[in-house]
N, C-alpha and C. Protein backbone atom coordinates (compact mmCIF):
# COMPACT_ATOMS: atom_id res chain seq x y z
N MET A 1 156.97 95.78 81.87
CA MET A 1 156.12 94.73 81.34
C MET A 1 154.89 94.59 82.23
N MET A 2 153.73 94.42 81.59
CA MET A 2 152.48 94.28 82.35
C MET A 2 151.58 93.29 81.61
N PRO A 3 150.63 92.67 82.33
CA PRO A 3 149.70 91.77 81.65
C PRO A 3 148.73 92.55 80.77
N LEU A 4 148.23 91.89 79.75
CA LEU A 4 147.32 92.52 78.80
C LEU A 4 146.06 93.04 79.48
N THR A 5 145.67 92.45 80.61
CA THR A 5 144.44 92.86 81.30
C THR A 5 144.48 94.30 81.80
N ILE A 6 145.68 94.87 82.02
CA ILE A 6 145.74 96.25 82.52
C ILE A 6 146.23 97.23 81.46
N ALA A 7 146.31 96.78 80.21
CA ALA A 7 146.69 97.69 79.12
C ALA A 7 145.56 98.69 78.88
N ILE A 8 145.92 99.87 78.43
CA ILE A 8 144.95 100.94 78.19
C ILE A 8 144.21 100.69 76.88
N PRO A 9 142.87 100.66 76.89
CA PRO A 9 142.11 100.46 75.65
C PRO A 9 142.45 101.51 74.59
N GLY A 10 142.60 101.06 73.35
CA GLY A 10 142.90 101.95 72.25
C GLY A 10 144.38 102.17 72.01
N GLU A 11 145.22 101.74 72.93
CA GLU A 11 146.66 101.93 72.80
C GLU A 11 147.31 100.65 72.26
N GLU A 12 148.13 100.80 71.21
CA GLU A 12 148.81 99.63 70.63
C GLU A 12 150.00 99.24 71.49
N ASN A 13 150.14 97.95 71.76
CA ASN A 13 151.24 97.43 72.57
C ASN A 13 151.95 96.32 71.81
N LEU A 14 153.21 96.11 72.13
CA LEU A 14 153.96 94.99 71.57
C LEU A 14 153.96 93.85 72.58
N ILE A 15 153.76 92.64 72.08
CA ILE A 15 153.77 91.47 72.95
C ILE A 15 155.22 91.14 73.27
N LYS A 16 155.53 91.08 74.57
CA LYS A 16 156.90 90.82 75.00
C LYS A 16 157.10 89.38 75.44
N ARG A 17 156.03 88.75 75.96
CA ARG A 17 156.15 87.38 76.44
C ARG A 17 154.78 86.75 76.49
N VAL A 18 154.71 85.46 76.17
CA VAL A 18 153.47 84.69 76.30
C VAL A 18 153.78 83.55 77.26
N GLY A 19 153.11 83.54 78.40
CA GLY A 19 153.37 82.54 79.43
C GLY A 19 152.37 81.40 79.43
N GLY A 20 152.47 80.57 80.43
CA GLY A 20 151.55 79.45 80.58
C GLY A 20 152.18 78.13 80.17
N LYS A 21 151.36 77.09 80.20
CA LYS A 21 151.81 75.77 79.79
C LYS A 21 152.08 75.76 78.29
N PRO A 22 152.89 74.82 77.81
CA PRO A 22 153.18 74.76 76.37
C PRO A 22 151.92 74.71 75.50
N GLU A 23 150.89 73.99 75.94
CA GLU A 23 149.65 73.91 75.16
C GLU A 23 148.96 75.28 75.09
N THR A 24 148.98 76.00 76.20
CA THR A 24 148.37 77.33 76.26
C THR A 24 149.11 78.30 75.36
N ARG A 25 150.45 78.28 75.43
CA ARG A 25 151.26 79.16 74.58
C ARG A 25 151.00 78.87 73.10
N GLN A 26 150.92 77.58 72.75
CA GLN A 26 150.68 77.21 71.35
C GLN A 26 149.31 77.70 70.90
N PHE A 27 148.30 77.55 71.76
CA PHE A 27 146.94 78.02 71.44
C PHE A 27 146.94 79.52 71.18
N LEU A 28 147.59 80.29 72.06
CA LEU A 28 147.63 81.74 71.90
C LEU A 28 148.42 82.14 70.65
N GLU A 29 149.51 81.43 70.37
CA GLU A 29 150.28 81.72 69.16
C GLU A 29 149.47 81.44 67.90
N ASN A 30 148.66 80.41 67.93
CA ASN A 30 147.79 80.10 66.78
C ASN A 30 146.76 81.19 66.56
N LEU A 31 146.37 81.90 67.63
CA LEU A 31 145.42 83.01 67.50
C LEU A 31 146.11 84.28 67.01
N GLY A 32 147.44 84.30 67.04
CA GLY A 32 148.18 85.46 66.57
C GLY A 32 148.95 86.20 67.64
N PHE A 33 148.92 85.71 68.88
CA PHE A 33 149.64 86.35 69.98
C PHE A 33 151.08 85.84 69.99
N VAL A 34 151.94 86.45 69.17
CA VAL A 34 153.33 86.05 69.08
C VAL A 34 154.23 87.17 69.61
N VAL A 35 155.36 86.81 70.17
CA VAL A 35 156.31 87.79 70.71
C VAL A 35 156.74 88.73 69.58
N GLY A 36 156.67 90.02 69.87
CA GLY A 36 157.02 91.03 68.88
C GLY A 36 155.84 91.52 68.07
N GLY A 37 154.71 90.85 68.18
CA GLY A 37 153.50 91.25 67.46
C GLY A 37 152.78 92.38 68.16
N ALA A 38 151.98 93.11 67.39
CA ALA A 38 151.22 94.23 67.95
C ALA A 38 149.84 93.75 68.39
N VAL A 39 149.37 94.30 69.50
CA VAL A 39 148.03 93.98 70.01
C VAL A 39 147.43 95.27 70.57
N THR A 40 146.15 95.48 70.27
CA THR A 40 145.44 96.66 70.77
C THR A 40 144.20 96.21 71.52
N VAL A 41 144.06 96.65 72.76
CA VAL A 41 142.87 96.33 73.54
C VAL A 41 141.73 97.22 73.06
N ILE A 42 140.61 96.60 72.68
CA ILE A 42 139.43 97.34 72.24
C ILE A 42 138.53 97.64 73.44
N ALA A 43 138.28 96.61 74.25
CA ALA A 43 137.41 96.77 75.42
C ALA A 43 137.66 95.66 76.42
N ALA A 44 137.35 95.95 77.67
CA ALA A 44 137.39 94.95 78.73
C ALA A 44 135.99 94.86 79.32
N ILE A 45 135.37 93.69 79.17
CA ILE A 45 133.99 93.50 79.60
C ILE A 45 133.92 92.33 80.57
N GLY A 46 133.58 92.62 81.80
CA GLY A 46 133.44 91.57 82.81
C GLY A 46 134.70 90.76 83.01
N GLY A 47 135.86 91.38 82.85
CA GLY A 47 137.11 90.67 83.02
C GLY A 47 137.66 90.10 81.73
N ASN A 48 136.79 89.85 80.76
CA ASN A 48 137.24 89.37 79.46
C ASN A 48 137.74 90.55 78.64
N VAL A 49 138.67 90.29 77.73
CA VAL A 49 139.30 91.35 76.97
C VAL A 49 139.07 91.12 75.48
N ILE A 50 138.64 92.17 74.78
CA ILE A 50 138.49 92.11 73.33
C ILE A 50 139.67 92.88 72.74
N VAL A 51 140.41 92.22 71.84
CA VAL A 51 141.62 92.82 71.28
C VAL A 51 141.64 92.72 69.76
N ASN A 52 142.42 93.61 69.15
CA ASN A 52 142.75 93.50 67.74
C ASN A 52 144.16 92.95 67.66
N VAL A 53 144.32 91.83 66.96
CA VAL A 53 145.63 91.26 66.75
C VAL A 53 145.67 90.70 65.34
N LYS A 54 146.67 91.10 64.56
CA LYS A 54 146.83 90.65 63.18
C LYS A 54 145.55 90.85 62.37
N ASP A 55 144.99 92.04 62.40
CA ASP A 55 143.78 92.40 61.65
C ASP A 55 142.56 91.57 62.00
N SER A 56 142.53 90.96 63.18
CA SER A 56 141.38 90.18 63.64
C SER A 56 140.97 90.68 65.01
N ARG A 57 139.68 90.62 65.28
CA ARG A 57 139.17 90.99 66.60
C ARG A 57 138.90 89.69 67.36
N ILE A 58 139.54 89.56 68.52
CA ILE A 58 139.47 88.32 69.29
C ILE A 58 139.11 88.63 70.74
N ALA A 59 138.27 87.80 71.33
CA ALA A 59 137.95 87.92 72.76
C ALA A 59 138.70 86.82 73.50
N VAL A 60 139.40 87.20 74.55
CA VAL A 60 140.11 86.23 75.38
C VAL A 60 139.68 86.41 76.83
N SER A 61 139.72 85.33 77.58
CA SER A 61 139.33 85.38 78.99
C SER A 61 140.38 86.14 79.79
N ARG A 62 139.99 86.55 80.97
CA ARG A 62 140.91 87.26 81.87
C ARG A 62 142.12 86.37 82.18
N GLU A 63 141.87 85.09 82.39
CA GLU A 63 142.94 84.15 82.70
C GLU A 63 143.98 84.08 81.57
N MET A 64 143.50 84.00 80.32
CA MET A 64 144.40 83.96 79.17
C MET A 64 145.11 85.30 78.99
N ALA A 65 144.39 86.39 79.15
CA ALA A 65 144.97 87.72 78.97
C ALA A 65 146.07 87.99 79.99
N ASN A 66 145.97 87.41 81.18
CA ASN A 66 147.01 87.58 82.20
C ASN A 66 148.31 86.88 81.82
N LYS A 67 148.26 85.93 80.89
CA LYS A 67 149.45 85.21 80.45
C LYS A 67 150.18 85.96 79.33
N ILE A 68 149.52 86.97 78.76
CA ILE A 68 150.13 87.74 77.67
C ILE A 68 150.71 89.02 78.25
N MET A 69 152.04 89.14 78.19
CA MET A 69 152.73 90.31 78.75
C MET A 69 153.08 91.29 77.65
N VAL A 70 152.76 92.57 77.89
CA VAL A 70 153.05 93.62 76.91
C VAL A 70 153.93 94.68 77.53
C-alpha cells in the first residue's frame, strides 16, 4: 500500500483506504474516492495530483492525495 502521491502516472490503481478525519473522508468519498474504486494518476504538478476517478478528472492537493492509499 502506498499514498496516491507516489503512484506512477498512467497506471490504474485500486483505492485500498481513505484516511483522515471523518469530514475529510466524506469529502473525498463525495468526489468518488471510495475503497475498491479505480483511480489513475494523470499528472503531478507542484505537489498537486490530477487523477481520473469515475470518468471525471479531478485535481487534489498533495495533503489530500497522501490520505488516499492505493
